[in-house]
Protein backbone atom coordinates (compact mmCIF):
# COMPACT_ATOMS: atom_id res chain seq x y z
CA MET A 1 4.81 21.18 9.99
CA ALA A 2 2.71 21.49 13.05
CA THR A 3 1.08 18.13 13.63
CA GLY A 4 3.92 15.64 13.99
CA LEU A 5 2.32 13.14 11.62
CA GLU A 6 4.90 13.43 8.84
CA PHE A 7 6.13 9.87 9.42
CA PHE A 8 5.46 6.69 11.39
CA VAL A 9 8.16 4.57 13.02
CA LEU A 10 8.15 0.90 11.97
CA ASN A 11 9.07 -2.03 14.22
CA THR A 12 12.51 -2.00 12.54
CA GLY A 13 13.09 1.56 13.81
CA ALA A 14 12.84 2.95 10.26
CA LYS A 15 10.83 6.12 9.67
CA MET A 16 8.15 5.68 7.00
CA PRO A 17 6.82 8.95 5.53
CA SER A 18 3.10 9.10 6.27
CA VAL A 19 1.96 10.17 2.80
CA GLY A 20 3.19 8.17 -0.18
CA LEU A 21 2.42 8.42 -3.87
CA GLY A 22 0.52 5.37 -5.10
CA THR A 23 1.46 4.18 -8.61
CA TRP A 24 -1.21 1.52 -9.22
CA GLN A 25 -3.10 2.20 -12.47
CA ALA A 26 -0.70 5.02 -13.33
CA ASP A 27 -0.07 4.42 -17.02
CA PRO A 28 3.42 4.15 -18.50
CA GLY A 29 4.30 7.49 -20.05
CA VAL A 30 2.44 9.28 -17.26
CA VAL A 31 3.75 7.66 -14.09
CA GLY A 32 7.29 9.02 -14.48
CA ARG A 33 6.06 12.61 -14.64
CA ALA A 34 3.82 11.99 -11.62
CA VAL A 35 6.72 10.61 -9.53
CA GLU A 36 9.00 13.50 -10.51
CA ALA A 37 6.31 16.08 -9.68
CA ALA A 38 5.57 14.38 -6.35
CA VAL A 39 9.21 14.33 -5.21
CA LYS A 40 9.65 17.98 -6.18
CA ILE A 41 6.46 18.86 -4.22
CA GLY A 42 7.88 17.13 -1.13
CA TYR A 43 6.76 13.48 -1.20
CA ARG A 44 9.47 11.15 0.10
CA HIS A 45 7.55 7.86 -0.12
CA ILE A 46 6.78 6.14 -3.44
CA ASP A 47 4.67 2.97 -3.46
CA CYS A 48 5.53 0.64 -6.35
CA ALA A 49 4.92 -2.99 -7.35
CA GLN A 50 6.15 -5.30 -10.07
CA ALA A 51 2.51 -6.06 -10.97
CA TYR A 52 1.85 -2.41 -11.85
CA GLY A 53 4.10 -2.78 -14.90
CA ASN A 54 5.71 0.64 -14.55
CA GLU A 55 8.79 0.17 -12.31
CA LYS A 56 11.23 0.63 -15.20
CA GLU A 57 9.90 4.10 -15.94
CA ILE A 58 9.95 5.01 -12.25
CA GLY A 59 13.58 3.83 -12.08
CA VAL A 60 14.58 6.22 -14.87
CA VAL A 61 13.04 9.09 -12.88
CA PHE A 62 14.76 8.03 -9.64
CA LYS A 63 18.13 8.03 -11.43
CA LYS A 64 17.45 11.50 -12.88
CA LEU A 65 16.35 12.92 -9.50
CA PHE A 66 19.48 11.53 -7.80
CA GLU A 67 21.80 12.79 -10.55
CA GLU A 68 20.24 16.25 -10.49
CA GLY A 69 20.62 16.41 -6.70
CA VAL A 70 16.87 16.88 -6.13
CA VAL A 71 17.01 14.14 -3.46
CA LYS A 72 19.51 11.60 -2.18
CA ARG A 73 18.66 7.89 -2.19
CA GLU A 74 18.52 7.83 1.62
CA ASP A 75 15.89 10.61 1.58
CA LEU A 76 13.41 8.43 -0.31
CA PHE A 77 11.31 5.58 1.08
CA VAL A 78 10.56 3.15 -1.74
CA THR A 79 8.15 0.23 -1.41
CA SER A 80 7.71 -2.62 -3.86
CA LYS A 81 5.83 -5.92 -3.82
CA LEU A 82 6.33 -9.59 -4.64
CA TRP A 83 3.73 -10.79 -7.15
CA CYS A 84 1.71 -13.99 -6.72
CA SER A 85 3.51 -15.92 -9.47
CA ASP A 86 6.88 -15.46 -7.73
CA HIS A 87 6.08 -16.95 -4.32
CA ALA A 88 8.48 -19.91 -4.69
CA PRO A 89 11.74 -18.98 -2.91
CA GLU A 90 13.89 -19.04 -6.08
CA GLY A 91 11.21 -17.08 -7.97
CA ALA A 92 11.05 -14.53 -5.17
CA LEU A 93 14.78 -13.77 -5.34
CA ALA A 94 14.65 -13.30 -9.11
CA ALA A 95 11.59 -11.03 -8.69
CA LEU A 96 13.27 -8.78 -6.12
CA ASP A 97 16.43 -8.55 -8.25
CA ARG A 98 14.29 -7.63 -11.27
CA THR A 99 12.49 -4.92 -9.26
CA LEU A 100 15.82 -3.50 -8.03
CA GLN A 101 17.18 -3.51 -11.57
CA ASN A 102 14.05 -1.80 -12.94
CA LEU A 103 13.99 0.80 -10.17
CA GLN A 104 17.79 1.25 -10.52
CA LEU A 105 18.23 0.82 -6.77
CA ASP A 106 20.50 -1.30 -4.54
CA TYR A 107 17.72 -1.85 -1.99
CA VAL A 108 14.05 -1.12 -1.34
CA ASP A 109 12.97 0.36 1.98
CA LEU A 110 10.00 -1.99 2.19
CA TYR A 111 9.17 -5.20 0.29
CA LEU A 112 5.70 -6.68 0.65
CA VAL A 113 4.02 -9.98 -0.22
CA HIS A 114 1.39 -8.44 -2.52
CA TRP A 115 -1.42 -10.95 -1.79
CA PRO A 116 -1.75 -14.12 0.33
CA VAL A 117 -2.24 -15.89 -3.01
CA ARG A 118 0.05 -18.08 -5.11
CA MET A 119 -0.06 -18.44 -8.88
CA LYS A 120 1.86 -20.68 -11.27
CA LYS A 121 5.34 -19.43 -12.14
CA GLY A 122 5.30 -17.43 -15.34
CA SER A 123 1.51 -17.23 -15.44
CA VAL A 124 -0.04 -14.05 -16.77
CA GLY A 125 -3.52 -12.74 -16.04
CA PHE A 126 -6.13 -13.98 -13.60
CA LYS A 127 -7.33 -17.34 -14.93
CA ALA A 128 -8.51 -19.69 -12.18
CA GLU A 129 -6.29 -22.54 -13.44
CA ASN A 130 -3.22 -20.39 -12.68
CA LEU A 131 -3.99 -20.52 -8.94
CA ASP A 132 -1.84 -22.80 -6.75
CA PRO A 133 -2.17 -23.61 -3.03
CA VAL A 134 -0.38 -20.99 -0.93
CA ASP A 135 2.67 -21.63 1.23
CA ILE A 136 3.01 -18.41 3.22
CA PRO A 137 5.68 -19.83 5.62
CA GLY A 138 7.86 -20.83 2.64
CA THR A 139 7.45 -17.46 0.95
CA TRP A 140 8.11 -15.61 4.21
CA LYS A 141 11.42 -17.45 4.66
CA ALA A 142 12.53 -15.98 1.34
CA MET A 143 11.37 -12.53 2.48
CA GLU A 144 13.38 -12.89 5.70
CA ALA A 145 16.46 -13.70 3.61
CA PHE A 146 15.96 -10.42 1.69
CA TYR A 147 15.79 -8.55 4.99
CA ASP A 148 18.95 -10.29 6.28
CA SER A 149 20.81 -9.46 3.05
CA GLY A 150 19.87 -5.76 3.23
CA LYS A 151 18.15 -5.80 -0.18
CA ALA A 152 14.93 -5.00 1.69
CA LYS A 153 15.34 -2.74 4.73
CA ALA A 154 11.92 -3.87 5.99
CA ILE A 155 9.51 -6.61 4.94
CA GLY A 156 5.77 -6.91 5.23
CA VAL A 157 2.55 -8.06 3.66
CA SER A 158 -0.42 -6.65 1.78
CA ASN A 159 -4.08 -7.68 1.69
CA PHE A 160 -3.70 -9.95 4.76
CA SER A 161 -6.72 -10.44 7.02
CA THR A 162 -6.37 -10.32 10.80
CA LYS A 163 -6.22 -14.14 10.90
CA LYS A 164 -3.65 -14.46 8.11
CA LEU A 165 -1.47 -11.80 9.74
CA GLY A 166 -1.78 -13.58 13.11
CA ASP A 167 -0.83 -16.95 11.56
CA LEU A 168 2.25 -15.34 9.99
CA LEU A 169 3.29 -13.63 13.24
CA ASP A 170 3.15 -17.05 14.95
CA ILE A 171 5.88 -18.48 12.70
CA ALA A 172 7.89 -15.43 11.57
CA LEU A 173 11.47 -14.97 12.78
CA VAL A 174 11.34 -11.42 11.41
CA PRO A 175 7.83 -10.05 12.05
CA PRO A 176 6.21 -8.11 9.22
CA ALA A 177 6.72 -4.36 9.65
CA VAL A 178 3.68 -3.36 7.60
CA ASN A 179 0.33 -4.69 6.38
CA GLN A 180 -0.76 -2.58 3.40
CA VAL A 181 -4.50 -2.88 2.88
CA GLU A 182 -7.46 -1.02 1.46
CA CYS A 183 -8.37 1.64 4.01
CA HIS A 184 -10.52 4.76 3.70
CA PRO A 185 -13.53 6.26 5.51
CA SER A 186 -15.86 3.75 3.78
CA TRP A 187 -13.69 0.75 4.75
CA GLN A 188 -12.11 1.63 8.09
CA GLN A 189 -10.64 -1.79 8.97
CA LYS A 190 -11.46 -1.47 12.68
CA LYS A 191 -10.68 -5.08 13.67
CA LEU A 192 -7.46 -5.29 11.64
CA ARG A 193 -6.31 -1.85 12.79
CA GLU A 194 -6.65 -2.83 16.47
CA PHE A 195 -4.81 -6.11 15.88
CA CYS A 196 -1.97 -4.35 14.01
CA LYS A 197 -1.62 -1.84 16.83
CA LEU A 198 -1.49 -4.61 19.41
CA LYS A 199 1.21 -6.48 17.47
CA GLY A 200 3.36 -3.50 16.44
CA VAL A 201 2.60 -3.91 12.72
CA HIS A 202 2.04 -0.63 10.89
CA LEU A 203 -1.18 -0.46 8.87
CA SER A 204 -0.70 1.36 5.57
CA GLY A 205 -3.79 2.36 3.59
CA TYR A 206 -4.01 1.97 -0.16
CA SER A 207 -6.90 3.50 -2.14
CA PRO A 208 -7.33 6.07 0.69
CA LEU A 209 -9.62 8.06 -1.60
CA GLY A 210 -11.60 4.95 -2.59
CA SER A 211 -10.03 4.59 -6.08
CA PRO A 212 -12.12 7.32 -7.77
CA GLY A 213 -10.57 6.56 -11.19
CA THR A 214 -11.50 2.87 -11.14
CA SER A 215 -14.42 1.90 -13.35
CA TRP A 216 -15.52 -1.21 -11.40
CA VAL A 217 -15.74 0.59 -8.06
CA LYS A 218 -19.30 1.76 -7.52
CA VAL A 219 -19.05 3.38 -4.06
CA GLU A 220 -17.91 7.00 -4.34
CA VAL A 221 -16.13 7.56 -1.05
CA LEU A 222 -15.39 11.23 -1.67
CA LYS A 223 -19.05 12.02 -2.32
CA ASN A 224 -20.15 10.71 1.06
CA PRO A 225 -22.13 13.52 2.76
CA VAL A 226 -20.14 13.16 6.01
CA ILE A 227 -16.90 13.88 4.12
CA THR A 228 -18.27 16.67 1.90
CA GLU A 229 -19.85 18.39 4.90
CA ILE A 230 -16.59 18.27 6.93
CA ALA A 231 -14.61 19.49 3.89
CA GLU A 232 -16.95 22.45 3.51
CA LYS A 233 -16.71 23.34 7.21
CA LEU A 234 -12.90 23.19 7.19
CA GLY A 235 -12.40 24.81 3.78
CA LYS A 236 -10.63 21.68 2.48
CA THR A 237 -11.32 19.26 -0.36
CA PRO A 238 -13.02 15.89 0.29
CA ALA A 239 -9.75 14.17 -0.71
CA GLN A 240 -7.77 16.15 1.88
CA VAL A 241 -10.33 15.29 4.55
CA ALA A 242 -10.19 11.55 3.71
CA LEU A 243 -6.37 11.58 3.84
CA ARG A 244 -6.23 13.60 7.06
CA TRP A 245 -8.69 11.14 8.63
CA GLY A 246 -6.21 8.33 7.85
CA LEU A 247 -3.27 10.16 9.39
CA GLN A 248 -5.24 10.99 12.55
CA MET A 249 -6.27 7.32 12.76
CA GLY A 250 -2.55 6.49 12.85
CA HIS A 251 -1.91 4.93 9.45
CA SER A 252 0.04 6.01 6.39
CA VAL A 253 -1.91 6.85 3.22
CA LEU A 254 -0.97 6.17 -0.40
CA PRO A 255 -3.07 8.41 -2.66
CA LYS A 256 -2.59 7.81 -6.36
CA SER A 257 -2.82 10.64 -8.86
CA THR A 258 -1.09 11.60 -12.09
CA SER A 259 -2.35 15.20 -12.00
CA GLU A 260 0.24 17.58 -10.58
CA ALA A 261 -2.43 19.82 -9.03
CA ARG A 262 -4.00 16.84 -7.23
CA ILE A 263 -0.64 15.43 -6.18
CA LYS A 264 0.03 18.80 -4.54
CA GLU A 265 -3.45 19.00 -2.98
CA ASN A 266 -3.08 15.48 -1.53
CA PHE A 267 0.13 16.52 0.24
CA ASP A 268 -1.47 19.51 1.97
CA VAL A 269 -2.61 17.51 4.99
CA PHE A 270 -0.14 18.46 7.72
CA GLU A 271 -0.77 22.02 8.88
CA TRP A 272 -4.36 21.46 10.03
CA SER A 273 -6.45 18.77 11.69
CA ILE A 274 -10.03 17.54 11.92
CA PRO A 275 -11.48 18.58 15.31
CA ASP A 276 -12.84 15.82 17.60
CA ASP A 277 -16.51 16.69 17.14
CA LEU A 278 -16.25 16.36 13.35
CA PHE A 279 -13.89 13.37 13.57
CA ALA A 280 -16.56 11.46 15.52
CA LYS A 281 -18.89 11.67 12.51
CA PHE A 282 -16.72 9.24 10.54
CA SER A 283 -18.19 6.40 12.60
CA ASP A 284 -21.57 7.07 10.89
CA ILE A 285 -20.24 6.11 7.44
CA GLU A 286 -21.58 2.86 5.99
CA GLN A 287 -18.80 0.33 5.40
CA ALA A 288 -18.07 -1.54 2.16
CA ARG A 289 -14.90 -3.23 0.89
CA LEU A 290 -14.15 -2.07 -2.66
CA VAL A 291 -11.20 -4.32 -3.60
CA ARG A 292 -12.62 -7.82 -3.26
CA GLY A 293 -10.10 -10.12 -4.93
CA THR A 294 -12.71 -12.24 -6.72
CA SER A 295 -10.07 -13.42 -9.24
CA PHE A 296 -8.27 -15.26 -6.41
CA VAL A 297 -11.27 -17.40 -5.50
CA SER A 298 -12.05 -20.67 -7.30
CA GLU A 299 -14.10 -23.78 -6.60
CA THR A 300 -11.32 -25.93 -8.05
CA TYR A 301 -7.94 -24.19 -7.94
CA GLY A 302 -5.80 -22.45 -5.34
CA SER A 303 -6.45 -22.12 -1.60
CA TYR A 304 -9.71 -20.17 -1.42
CA ARG A 305 -13.17 -21.40 -2.41
CA THR A 306 -15.01 -18.23 -1.32
CA LEU A 307 -14.34 -14.56 -0.59
CA GLU A 308 -15.11 -15.41 3.05
CA GLU A 309 -12.04 -17.69 3.06
CA LEU A 310 -9.80 -15.16 1.30
CA TRP A 311 -10.64 -12.44 3.83
CA ASP A 312 -11.48 -14.71 6.80
CA GLY A 313 -14.89 -13.10 7.13
CA GLU A 314 -13.60 -9.50 6.97
CA ILE A 315 -15.84 -8.50 4.09
């Protein structure tokens, strides 16, 4: 591979493969086949989460791939995430153990606090009355214990604004290695990206194609004329151009697909690059956050009264 962007080095020294398979909204019954296809195509990074409800099926596939000698455990980089209802330290430990059991692994390579949001233990769904005030320092202590125990080789956060990440860095004994956030050409995260770079926190981009399969997302990132025009000039697909943009910006990308042809297409981003003159055009793209987190905002419950407070103005 010619471009040297196959992985990024985290602040722990670990190498994180730059393209990972996203498993959000990958239905049970389909996600296992997608993970197996991806690993056989060459993916070595699988992005999971307890909240996606499909870790058990992914675990069955991991076991099969290891037993068949397709890959060794140490060849894979597996991420999972702590859900909002497990933020209490004792709940967090049970949640990580459950994830490890479901994935049939002894450790995850990266464990993230999924949202800077706390919900009542055992609560299901997104009702406002389930929201509790957050205690990020308390939750982070539990995360640090997972890192110390080796059950999580690296720890980090997801959906944290620049301010929330800065507040955490001020108190953390083990700094977060990663902040996984929405990032694509229509939401480029300029301020957060610069802050992450300054602090040695790797920015990882979910929905790098703008979640084309999601019904509530109205902005079609891949149909943006800047992207389609560059794709045409380079003889690539709009998806490949959006992913390559992310890699050249210096962040990992987590495209989700359950179609084997697309999974393969999304991995063909290493042997070519976007030239500077075309790359400059990305700054013309109008910006809009797609994943807003409205369910985590309430006038009465939890920590955030407005979206402004949840994202600290980064909307």
